[in-house]
Amino acid sequence: MKNQVLLAIEADSIASEKYQIAKDRYVLGNLSITDLSISFQERDQAKRDYISALRDFWGAYFQVRYLSLYDFDKNEKITYR
């Protein structure tokens, strides 16, 4: 899952760069509004995918923690009083 988050970060970064390039080309008149819109949608989808990957990662982390009753940050068993 960690690799999935890292890939989502990279995809988000690339989509943001691609959108910025598309926006600059549109301002110069070298790109249609349709292509700019597609780039905008891809950037937003990459951001949603990144957020979803983060949600899945932390959900799985706390699920494993709950099921194992182990605190991985403190390297100790979780006890309830």
N, C-alpha and C. Protein backbone atom coordinates (compact mmCIF):
# COMPACT_ATOMS: atom_id res chain seq x y z
N MET A 1 0.83 -1.19 0.00
CA MET A 1 0.00 0.00 0.00
C MET A 1 0.87 1.26 0.00
N LYS A 2 2.03 1.15 0.64
CA LYS A 2 2.94 2.29 0.66
C LYS A 2 3.36 2.65 -0.77
N ASN A 3 3.64 1.64 -1.58
CA ASN A 3 4.02 1.90 -2.97
C ASN A 3 2.88 2.53 -3.75
N GLN A 4 1.66 2.13 -3.43
CA GLN A 4 0.49 2.71 -4.10
C GLN A 4 0.37 4.20 -3.78
N VAL A 5 0.63 4.56 -2.54
CA VAL A 5 0.59 5.98 -2.15
C VAL A 5 1.71 6.75 -2.87
N LEU A 6 2.90 6.15 -2.92
CA LEU A 6 4.01 6.81 -3.60
C LEU A 6 3.73 7.01 -5.09
N LEU A 7 3.12 6.01 -5.72
CA LEU A 7 2.75 6.15 -7.13
C LEU A 7 1.68 7.22 -7.32
N ALA A 8 0.75 7.29 -6.38
CA ALA A 8 -0.31 8.30 -6.47
C ALA A 8 0.27 9.70 -6.31
N ILE A 9 1.28 9.85 -5.45
CA ILE A 9 1.95 11.15 -5.29
C ILE A 9 2.62 11.55 -6.60
N GLU A 10 3.32 10.59 -7.20
CA GLU A 10 4.01 10.87 -8.46
C GLU A 10 3.02 11.21 -9.57
N ALA A 11 1.92 10.45 -9.65
CA ALA A 11 0.90 10.71 -10.67
C ALA A 11 0.27 12.08 -10.47
N ASP A 12 0.04 12.47 -9.22
CA ASP A 12 -0.53 13.79 -8.92
C ASP A 12 0.42 14.89 -9.36
N SER A 13 1.69 14.70 -9.08
CA SER A 13 2.69 15.70 -9.46
C SER A 13 2.77 15.84 -10.98
N ILE A 14 2.79 14.72 -11.68
CA ILE A 14 2.86 14.76 -13.14
C ILE A 14 1.62 15.40 -13.73
N ALA A 15 0.45 15.07 -13.19
CA ALA A 15 -0.80 15.65 -13.70
C ALA A 15 -0.84 17.15 -13.46
N SER A 16 -0.32 17.60 -12.34
CA SER A 16 -0.28 19.04 -12.06
C SER A 16 0.65 19.76 -13.03
N GLU A 17 1.81 19.15 -13.30
CA GLU A 17 2.74 19.75 -14.26
C GLU A 17 2.12 19.78 -15.66
N LYS A 18 1.47 18.69 -16.03
CA LYS A 18 0.82 18.61 -17.34
C LYS A 18 -0.25 19.68 -17.48
N TYR A 19 -1.02 19.90 -16.42
CA TYR A 19 -2.06 20.93 -16.46
C TYR A 19 -1.44 22.32 -16.61
N GLN A 20 -0.36 22.58 -15.88
CA GLN A 20 0.29 23.88 -15.97
C GLN A 20 0.82 24.13 -17.38
N ILE A 21 1.40 23.11 -17.98
CA ILE A 21 1.89 23.24 -19.37
C ILE A 21 0.72 23.48 -20.31
N ALA A 22 -0.36 22.74 -20.13
CA ALA A 22 -1.54 22.92 -20.98
C ALA A 22 -2.12 24.32 -20.81
N LYS A 23 -2.16 24.81 -19.58
CA LYS A 23 -2.68 26.15 -19.32
C LYS A 23 -1.83 27.21 -20.02
N ASP A 24 -0.51 27.05 -19.92
CA ASP A 24 0.39 28.00 -20.58
C ASP A 24 0.22 27.95 -22.10
N ARG A 25 0.07 26.75 -22.65
CA ARG A 25 -0.13 26.61 -24.10
C ARG A 25 -1.47 27.22 -24.52
N TYR A 26 -2.48 27.08 -23.68
CA TYR A 26 -3.79 27.65 -23.99
C TYR A 26 -3.71 29.18 -24.04
N VAL A 27 -3.01 29.75 -23.07
CA VAL A 27 -2.85 31.21 -23.04
C VAL A 27 -2.13 31.70 -24.30
N LEU A 28 -1.18 30.92 -24.77
CA LEU A 28 -0.44 31.30 -25.98
C LEU A 28 -1.24 31.03 -27.26
N GLY A 29 -2.35 30.32 -27.13
CA GLY A 29 -3.18 30.01 -28.29
C GLY A 29 -2.78 28.74 -29.00
N ASN A 30 -1.94 27.92 -28.38
CA ASN A 30 -1.47 26.69 -29.00
C ASN A 30 -2.25 25.45 -28.57
N LEU A 31 -3.33 25.63 -27.82
CA LEU A 31 -4.09 24.49 -27.31
C LEU A 31 -5.57 24.85 -27.27
N SER A 32 -6.40 23.88 -27.58
CA SER A 32 -7.84 24.14 -27.57
C SER A 32 -8.38 24.08 -26.14
N ILE A 33 -9.54 24.67 -25.96
CA ILE A 33 -10.20 24.65 -24.65
C ILE A 33 -10.57 23.22 -24.26
N THR A 34 -10.85 22.38 -25.25
CA THR A 34 -11.18 20.98 -24.97
C THR A 34 -9.98 20.26 -24.37
N ASP A 35 -8.81 20.46 -24.95
CA ASP A 35 -7.60 19.83 -24.42
C ASP A 35 -7.25 20.37 -23.04
N LEU A 36 -7.47 21.65 -22.82
CA LEU A 36 -7.24 22.23 -21.50
C LEU A 36 -8.19 21.62 -20.48
N SER A 37 -9.44 21.45 -20.87
CA SER A 37 -10.44 20.85 -19.99
C SER A 37 -10.08 19.39 -19.64
N ILE A 38 -9.60 18.65 -20.63
CA ILE A 38 -9.19 17.27 -20.38
C ILE A 38 -8.03 17.24 -19.39
N SER A 39 -7.08 18.12 -19.57
CA SER A 39 -5.93 18.19 -18.66
C SER A 39 -6.38 18.55 -17.25
N PHE A 40 -7.34 19.46 -17.14
CA PHE A 40 -7.89 19.85 -15.85
C PHE A 40 -8.57 18.66 -15.16
N GLN A 41 -9.34 17.90 -15.93
CA GLN A 41 -10.03 16.73 -15.38
C GLN A 41 -9.04 15.66 -14.93
N GLU A 42 -7.98 15.47 -15.71
CA GLU A 42 -6.95 14.49 -15.34
C GLU A 42 -6.23 14.91 -14.06
N ARG A 43 -5.98 16.20 -13.92
CA ARG A 43 -5.33 16.70 -12.70
C ARG A 43 -6.22 16.46 -11.49
N ASP A 44 -7.50 16.76 -11.63
CA ASP A 44 -8.43 16.55 -10.51
C ASP A 44 -8.59 15.07 -10.18
N GLN A 45 -8.61 14.21 -11.19
CA GLN A 45 -8.72 12.77 -10.95
C GLN A 45 -7.48 12.25 -10.24
N ALA A 46 -6.32 12.74 -10.62
CA ALA A 46 -5.08 12.33 -9.95
C ALA A 46 -5.09 12.76 -8.48
N LYS A 47 -5.62 13.94 -8.20
CA LYS A 47 -5.72 14.40 -6.81
C LYS A 47 -6.69 13.52 -6.02
N ARG A 48 -7.82 13.17 -6.62
CA ARG A 48 -8.78 12.28 -5.95
C ARG A 48 -8.17 10.90 -5.70
N ASP A 49 -7.42 10.40 -6.68
CA ASP A 49 -6.78 9.09 -6.52
C ASP A 49 -5.74 9.12 -5.40
N TYR A 50 -5.02 10.22 -5.28
CA TYR A 50 -4.03 10.36 -4.21
C TYR A 50 -4.72 10.35 -2.84
N ILE A 51 -5.77 11.12 -2.72
CA ILE A 51 -6.51 11.18 -1.45
C ILE A 51 -7.10 9.81 -1.12
N SER A 52 -7.61 9.13 -2.12
CA SER A 52 -8.16 7.78 -1.91
C SER A 52 -7.07 6.80 -1.47
N ALA A 53 -5.89 6.89 -2.07
CA ALA A 53 -4.78 6.01 -1.68
C ALA A 53 -4.36 6.28 -0.24
N LEU A 54 -4.34 7.55 0.16
CA LEU A 54 -4.02 7.88 1.55
C LEU A 54 -5.06 7.32 2.51
N ARG A 55 -6.33 7.48 2.15
CA ARG A 55 -7.41 6.95 2.99
C ARG A 55 -7.29 5.43 3.14
N ASP A 56 -7.03 4.75 2.04
CA ASP A 56 -6.90 3.30 2.07
C ASP A 56 -5.69 2.87 2.91
N PHE A 57 -4.58 3.59 2.76
CA PHE A 57 -3.37 3.26 3.51
C PHE A 57 -3.62 3.37 5.01
N TRP A 58 -4.15 4.51 5.45
CA TRP A 58 -4.35 4.70 6.88
C TRP A 58 -5.46 3.81 7.42
N GLY A 59 -6.47 3.54 6.61
CA GLY A 59 -7.50 2.60 7.04
C GLY A 59 -6.93 1.21 7.28
N ALA A 60 -6.08 0.77 6.35
CA ALA A 60 -5.45 -0.55 6.51
C ALA A 60 -4.49 -0.55 7.70
N TYR A 61 -3.76 0.53 7.89
CA TYR A 61 -2.82 0.62 9.01
C TYR A 61 -3.55 0.45 10.35
N PHE A 62 -4.63 1.19 10.51
CA PHE A 62 -5.35 1.12 11.78
C PHE A 62 -6.14 -0.18 11.91
N GLN A 63 -6.53 -0.77 10.79
CA GLN A 63 -7.19 -2.09 10.85
C GLN A 63 -6.20 -3.14 11.34
N VAL A 64 -4.98 -3.14 10.81
CA VAL A 64 -3.95 -4.08 11.26
C VAL A 64 -3.62 -3.82 12.72
N ARG A 65 -3.53 -2.58 13.09
CA ARG A 65 -3.24 -2.22 14.48
C ARG A 65 -4.34 -2.73 15.41
N TYR A 66 -5.58 -2.55 14.99
CA TYR A 66 -6.72 -3.01 15.79
C TYR A 66 -6.73 -4.53 15.91
N LEU A 67 -6.52 -5.21 14.81
CA LEU A 67 -6.58 -6.67 14.81
C LEU A 67 -5.40 -7.30 15.56
N SER A 68 -4.25 -6.65 15.50
CA SER A 68 -3.06 -7.21 16.15
C SER A 68 -2.90 -6.74 17.60
N LEU A 69 -3.65 -5.69 17.96
CA LEU A 69 -3.51 -5.06 19.28
C LEU A 69 -2.05 -4.69 19.55
N TYR A 70 -1.42 -4.11 18.53
CA TYR A 70 -0.02 -3.73 18.64
C TYR A 70 0.16 -2.31 18.12
N ASP A 71 0.86 -1.48 18.90
CA ASP A 71 1.17 -0.10 18.51
C ASP A 71 2.53 -0.10 17.83
N PHE A 72 2.54 0.08 16.53
CA PHE A 72 3.77 0.01 15.76
C PHE A 72 4.67 1.23 15.97
N ASP A 73 4.10 2.35 16.37
CA ASP A 73 4.90 3.55 16.65
C ASP A 73 5.70 3.39 17.94
N LYS A 74 5.05 2.82 18.95
CA LYS A 74 5.70 2.66 20.25
C LYS A 74 6.34 1.28 20.42
N ASN A 75 6.12 0.39 19.45
CA ASN A 75 6.63 -0.98 19.51
C ASN A 75 6.23 -1.69 20.79
N GLU A 76 4.92 -1.63 21.08
CA GLU A 76 4.41 -2.30 22.27
C GLU A 76 2.98 -2.74 22.06
N LYS A 77 2.55 -3.68 22.87
CA LYS A 77 1.17 -4.16 22.81
C LYS A 77 0.23 -3.08 23.27
N ILE A 78 -0.96 -3.08 22.69
CA ILE A 78 -1.99 -2.15 23.12
C ILE A 78 -2.80 -2.83 24.20
N THR A 79 -2.91 -2.16 25.33
CA THR A 79 -3.71 -2.69 26.43
C THR A 79 -4.83 -1.72 26.74
N TYR A 80 -5.97 -2.26 27.03
CA TYR A 80 -7.12 -1.45 27.40
C TYR A 80 -7.35 -1.58 28.88
N ARG A 81 -7.55 -0.49 29.50
CA ARG A 81 -7.75 -0.48 30.96
C ARG A 81 -9.17 -0.15 31.30
